[in-house]
Amino acid sequence: MKFTRATEYAFRALRFLASQIEERWFSIQEIAKAEQVPVQFLSKVMQQLSQASIVQSTCGKSGGYRLSKPPDQIRMSDVVLAMEGPVTVNNCLAFPGECSFQNQCKMHPVWVELQEAIDSILSKYDITMIVNSKKRGAKPPVRRTAKKKTNAEASASQQA
């Protein structure tokens, strides 16, 4: 499962809006410039967020976007649902009863547990987490990369 670029841009736009101290409408150009997102693409993203009542929009010279509610009331699951639709890890969970193997399938409990974990995590965090991770007690993820072996280490492991 991989979220689309639209979902990434949605989170970036929401991060921008949630981090603003001024209570005013922010133009699509301001958001796009600050988050380095193409204006055309961001316009479609913001339309989806507006339809989901995550942001409010207004037209006119001083129009733009702002959050529709406080950032701690916007769950990450709300944003993913608005941008991706319902997220399921397997078709048997998306369309219950259509799988003829569900009762004897040894993978079904695994899919259910995985789905519950994803849903739980996305529901646990709100937009404040992407603005200020210390505020919510979340730690930024640690990216782990495989350590490259030196020529001596590679040679020793081949001989073993």
C-alpha atoms as a PDB file:
ATOM      1  CA  MET A   1       0.000   0.000   0.000  1.00  0.00           C
ATOM      2  CA  LYS A   2       1.297   3.398  -0.960  1.00  0.00           C
ATOM      3  CA  PHE A   3      -0.406   6.752  -0.510  1.00  0.00           C
ATOM      4  CA  THR A   4      -0.559   9.057  -3.515  1.00  0.00           C
ATOM      5  CA  ARG A   5       1.335  12.273  -3.979  1.00  0.00           C
ATOM      6  CA  ALA A   6      -1.979  14.095  -3.491  1.00  0.00           C
ATOM      7  CA  THR A   7      -2.126  12.765   0.070  1.00  0.00           C
ATOM      8  CA  GLU A   8       1.429  13.925   0.730  1.00  0.00           C
ATOM      9  CA  TYR A   9       0.577  17.382  -0.610  1.00  0.00           C
ATOM     10  CA  ALA A  10      -2.574  17.448   1.522  1.00  0.00           C
ATOM     11  CA  PHE A  11      -0.528  16.841   4.667  1.00  0.00           C
ATOM     12  CA  ARG A  12       1.989  19.480   3.624  1.00  0.00           C
ATOM     13  CA  ALA A  13      -0.753  22.058   3.019  1.00  0.00           C
ATOM     14  CA  LEU A  14      -2.379  21.212   6.348  1.00  0.00           C
ATOM     15  CA  ARG A  15       0.982  21.496   8.083  1.00  0.00           C
ATOM     16  CA  PHE A  16       1.344  24.974   6.632  1.00  0.00           C
ATOM     17  CA  LEU A  17      -2.158  26.063   7.648  1.00  0.00           C
ATOM     18  CA  ALA A  18      -1.861  24.581  11.138  1.00  0.00           C
ATOM     19  CA  SER A  19       1.470  26.299  11.766  1.00  0.00           C
ATOM     20  CA  GLN A  20       0.187  29.794  10.991  1.00  0.00           C
ATOM     21  CA  ILE A  21      -0.315  32.096  13.950  1.00  0.00           C
ATOM     22  CA  GLU A  22      -2.310  34.660  11.973  1.00  0.00           C
ATOM     23  CA  GLU A  23      -6.008  33.933  11.711  1.00  0.00           C
ATOM     24  CA  ARG A  24      -6.644  34.795   8.080  1.00  0.00           C
ATOM     25  CA  TRP A  25      -7.256  33.187   4.703  1.00  0.00           C
ATOM     26  CA  PHE A  26      -4.132  31.932   2.930  1.00  0.00           C
ATOM     27  CA  SER A  27      -3.975  31.924  -0.849  1.00  0.00           C
ATOM     28  CA  ILE A  28      -3.221  28.811  -2.835  1.00  0.00           C
ATOM     29  CA  GLN A  29      -0.069  30.568  -4.085  1.00  0.00           C
ATOM     30  CA  GLU A  30       1.161  31.191  -0.516  1.00  0.00           C
ATOM     31  CA  ILE A  31       0.624  27.576   0.461  1.00  0.00           C
ATOM     32  CA  ALA A  32       2.143  26.224  -2.754  1.00  0.00           C
ATOM     33  CA  LYS A  33       5.228  28.421  -2.450  1.00  0.00           C
ATOM     34  CA  ALA A  34       5.805  27.621   1.227  1.00  0.00           C
ATOM     35  CA  GLU A  35       5.405  23.869   0.710  1.00  0.00           C
ATOM     36  CA  GLN A  36       7.011  23.703  -2.758  1.00  0.00           C
ATOM     37  CA  VAL A  37       3.943  22.158  -4.359  1.00  0.00           C
ATOM     38  CA  PRO A  38       2.670  22.880  -7.895  1.00  0.00           C
ATOM     39  CA  VAL A  39      -0.257  25.331  -7.694  1.00  0.00           C
ATOM     40  CA  GLN A  40      -2.421  23.396 -10.189  1.00  0.00           C
ATOM     41  CA  PHE A  41      -2.037  20.134  -8.306  1.00  0.00           C
ATOM     42  CA  LEU A  42      -2.505  21.798  -4.916  1.00  0.00           C
ATOM     43  CA  SER A  43      -5.703  23.426  -6.131  1.00  0.00           C
ATOM     44  CA  LYS A  44      -7.242  19.989  -6.742  1.00  0.00           C
ATOM     45  CA  VAL A  45      -5.967  18.731  -3.378  1.00  0.00           C
ATOM     46  CA  MET A  46      -7.453  21.696  -1.544  1.00  0.00           C
ATOM     47  CA  GLN A  47     -10.772  21.159  -3.325  1.00  0.00           C
ATOM     48  CA  GLN A  48     -10.885  17.602  -1.971  1.00  0.00           C
ATOM     49  CA  LEU A  49      -9.991  18.777   1.531  1.00  0.00           C
ATOM     50  CA  SER A  50     -12.699  21.417   1.301  1.00  0.00           C
ATOM     51  CA  GLN A  51     -15.310  18.871   0.189  1.00  0.00           C
ATOM     52  CA  ALA A  52     -14.339  16.750   3.209  1.00  0.00           C
ATOM     53  CA  SER A  53     -14.787  19.802   5.502  1.00  0.00           C
ATOM     54  CA  ILE A  54     -11.153  19.669   6.583  1.00  0.00           C
ATOM     55  CA  VAL A  55     -10.479  23.154   5.227  1.00  0.00           C
ATOM     56  CA  GLN A  56     -12.712  26.099   4.427  1.00  0.00           C
ATOM     57  CA  SER A  57     -12.337  28.161   1.300  1.00  0.00           C
ATOM     58  CA  THR A  58     -13.543  31.551   0.181  1.00  0.00           C
ATOM     59  CA  CYS A  59     -13.255  33.410  -3.108  1.00  0.00           C
ATOM     60  CA  GLY A  60     -12.216  36.957  -3.813  1.00  0.00           C
ATOM     61  CA  LYS A  61      -9.191  39.190  -3.478  1.00  0.00           C
ATOM     62  CA  SER A  62      -8.648  38.320   0.192  1.00  0.00           C
ATOM     63  CA  GLY A  63      -9.913  34.751  -0.189  1.00  0.00           C
ATOM     64  CA  GLY A  64      -8.071  31.514   0.253  1.00  0.00           C
ATOM     65  CA  TYR A  65      -8.017  28.616   2.685  1.00  0.00           C
ATOM     66  CA  ARG A  66      -7.918  27.962   6.391  1.00  0.00           C
ATOM     67  CA  LEU A  67      -8.547  24.977   8.623  1.00  0.00           C
ATOM     68  CA  SER A  68     -12.215  24.279   9.291  1.00  0.00           C
ATOM     69  CA  LYS A  69     -11.499  23.284  12.905  1.00  0.00           C
ATOM     70  CA  PRO A  70      -8.550  23.254  15.313  1.00  0.00           C
ATOM     71  CA  PRO A  71      -5.671  21.060  14.105  1.00  0.00           C
ATOM     72  CA  ASP A  72      -5.957  18.743  17.117  1.00  0.00           C
ATOM     73  CA  GLN A  73      -9.457  17.837  15.919  1.00  0.00           C
ATOM     74  CA  ILE A  74      -8.315  16.780  12.432  1.00  0.00           C
ATOM     75  CA  ARG A  75      -7.218  13.153  12.554  1.00  0.00           C
ATOM     76  CA  MET A  76      -4.725  11.801  10.051  1.00  0.00           C
ATOM     77  CA  SER A  77      -7.350   9.174   9.204  1.00  0.00           C
ATOM     78  CA  ASP A  78      -9.718  11.993   8.120  1.00  0.00           C
ATOM     79  CA  VAL A  79      -7.143  13.299   5.669  1.00  0.00           C
ATOM     80  CA  VAL A  80      -6.308   9.872   4.254  1.00  0.00           C
ATOM     81  CA  LEU A  81     -10.002   9.093   3.806  1.00  0.00           C
ATOM     82  CA  ALA A  82     -10.566  12.423   2.035  1.00  0.00           C
ATOM     83  CA  MET A  83      -7.662  11.886  -0.328  1.00  0.00           C
ATOM     84  CA  GLU A  84      -7.526   8.123  -0.844  1.00  0.00           C
ATOM     85  CA  GLY A  85     -10.995   6.915   0.066  1.00  0.00           C
ATOM     86  CA  PRO A  86     -11.314   3.896   2.360  1.00  0.00           C
ATOM     87  CA  VAL A  87      -7.937   2.210   2.804  1.00  0.00           C
ATOM     88  CA  THR A  88      -7.970  -1.573   3.042  1.00  0.00           C
ATOM     89  CA  VAL A  89      -5.053  -3.970   2.938  1.00  0.00           C
ATOM     90  CA  ASN A  90      -6.942  -6.718   1.118  1.00  0.00           C
ATOM     91  CA  ASN A  91     -10.086  -7.111  -0.985  1.00  0.00           C
ATOM     92  CA  CYS A  92     -11.611  -9.519   1.523  1.00  0.00           C
ATOM     93  CA  LEU A  93     -11.734  -6.645   4.011  1.00  0.00           C
ATOM     94  CA  ALA A  94     -13.019  -4.153   1.455  1.00  0.00           C
ATOM     95  CA  PHE A  95     -15.807  -6.474   0.291  1.00  0.00           C
ATOM     96  CA  PRO A  96     -16.723  -8.786   3.192  1.00  0.00           C
ATOM     97  CA  GLY A  97     -18.579 -11.909   2.212  1.00  0.00           C
ATOM     98  CA  GLU A  98     -17.313 -11.944  -1.375  1.00  0.00           C
ATOM     99  CA  CYS A  99     -14.327 -14.153  -0.570  1.00  0.00           C
ATOM    100  CA  SER A 100     -15.274 -17.810  -0.579  1.00  0.00           C
ATOM    101  CA  PHE A 101     -12.101 -18.723   1.336  1.00  0.00           C
ATOM    102  CA  GLN A 102     -12.595 -16.326   4.264  1.00  0.00           C
ATOM    103  CA  ASN A 103     -13.605 -19.005   6.794  1.00  0.00           C
ATOM    104  CA  GLN A 104     -10.668 -21.313   6.095  1.00  0.00           C
ATOM    105  CA  CYS A 105      -8.113 -18.683   5.015  1.00  0.00           C
ATOM    106  CA  LYS A 106      -5.097 -18.623   7.325  1.00  0.00           C
ATOM    107  CA  MET A 107      -4.184 -15.099   6.108  1.00  0.00           C
ATOM    108  CA  HIS A 108      -7.542 -13.502   6.958  1.00  0.00           C
ATOM    109  CA  PRO A 109      -6.745 -12.963  10.671  1.00  0.00           C
ATOM    110  CA  VAL A 110      -3.426 -11.413   9.647  1.00  0.00           C
ATOM    111  CA  TRP A 111      -5.168  -9.018   7.227  1.00  0.00           C
ATOM    112  CA  VAL A 112      -7.678  -8.088   9.953  1.00  0.00           C
ATOM    113  CA  GLU A 113      -4.925  -7.408  12.493  1.00  0.00           C
ATOM    114  CA  LEU A 114      -2.919  -5.373   9.995  1.00  0.00           C
ATOM    115  CA  GLN A 115      -6.010  -3.350   9.035  1.00  0.00           C
ATOM    116  CA  GLU A 116      -6.809  -2.664  12.680  1.00  0.00           C
ATOM    117  CA  ALA A 117      -3.232  -1.508  13.303  1.00  0.00           C
ATOM    118  CA  ILE A 118      -3.276   0.886  10.342  1.00  0.00           C
ATOM    119  CA  ASP A 119      -6.684   2.273  11.313  1.00  0.00           C
ATOM    120  CA  SER A 120      -5.580   2.669  14.930  1.00  0.00           C
ATOM    121  CA  ILE A 121      -2.400   4.560  14.076  1.00  0.00           C
ATOM    122  CA  LEU A 122      -4.063   6.885  11.569  1.00  0.00           C
ATOM    123  CA  SER A 123      -6.818   7.631  14.082  1.00  0.00           C
ATOM    124  CA  LYS A 124      -4.366   8.148  16.935  1.00  0.00           C
ATOM    125  CA  TYR A 125      -2.552  11.123  15.414  1.00  0.00           C
ATOM    126  CA  ASP A 126      -3.866  14.551  14.518  1.00  0.00           C
ATOM    127  CA  ILE A 127      -2.490  17.403  12.460  1.00  0.00           C
ATOM    128  CA  THR A 128      -0.606  18.906  15.411  1.00  0.00           C
ATOM    129  CA  MET A 129       1.711  15.901  15.173  1.00  0.00           C
ATOM    130  CA  ILE A 130       3.037  17.074  11.790  1.00  0.00           C
ATOM    131  CA  VAL A 131       3.402  20.674  12.954  1.00  0.00           C
ATOM    132  CA  ASN A 132       5.219  20.042  16.209  1.00  0.00           C
ATOM    133  CA  SER A 133       6.092  16.435  17.014  1.00  0.00           C
ATOM    134  CA  LYS A 134       7.188  17.317  20.575  1.00  0.00           C
ATOM    135  CA  LYS A 135       3.717  18.618  21.383  1.00  0.00           C
ATOM    136  CA  ARG A 136       2.154  15.180  20.871  1.00  0.00           C
ATOM    137  CA  GLY A 137       5.055  13.182  22.279  1.00  0.00           C
ATOM    138  CA  ALA A 138       5.712  11.541  18.947  1.00  0.00           C
ATOM    139  CA  LYS A 139       9.250  10.947  17.850  1.00  0.00           C
ATOM    140  CA  PRO A 140      10.247  11.535  14.247  1.00  0.00           C
ATOM    141  CA  PRO A 141      10.816   8.239  12.445  1.00  0.00           C
ATOM    142  CA  VAL A 142      14.380   6.983  12.293  1.00  0.00           C
ATOM    143  CA  ARG A 143      15.352   5.984   8.801  1.00  0.00           C
ATOM    144  CA  ARG A 144      17.536   2.937   8.885  1.00  0.00           C
ATOM    145  CA  THR A 145      19.684   2.052   5.960  1.00  0.00           C
ATOM    146  CA  ALA A 146      21.686  -1.057   5.421  1.00  0.00           C
ATOM    147  CA  LYS A 147      25.329  -0.594   6.343  1.00  0.00           C
ATOM    148  CA  LYS A 148      27.624  -1.126   3.380  1.00  0.00           C
ATOM    149  CA  LYS A 149      30.207  -3.792   3.960  1.00  0.00           C
ATOM    150  CA  THR A 150      33.829  -2.934   3.494  1.00  0.00           C
ATOM    151  CA  ASN A 151      35.782  -5.031   0.992  1.00  0.00           C
ATOM    152  CA  ALA A 152      37.388  -6.935   3.883  1.00  0.00           C
ATOM    153  CA  GLU A 153      33.988  -7.694   5.485  1.00  0.00           C
ATOM    154  CA  ALA A 154      32.513  -8.807   2.145  1.00  0.00           C
ATOM    155  CA  SER A 155      35.491 -11.056   1.475  1.00  0.00           C
ATOM    156  CA  ALA A 156      35.340 -12.590   4.959  1.00  0.00           C
ATOM    157  CA  SER A 157      31.602 -13.368   4.683  1.00  0.00           C
ATOM    158  CA  GLN A 158      32.090 -15.025   1.282  1.00  0.00           C
ATOM    159  CA  GLN A 159      34.829 -17.268   2.638  1.00  0.00           C
ATOM    160  CA  ALA A 160      32.755 -18.335   5.671  1.00  0.00           C
END
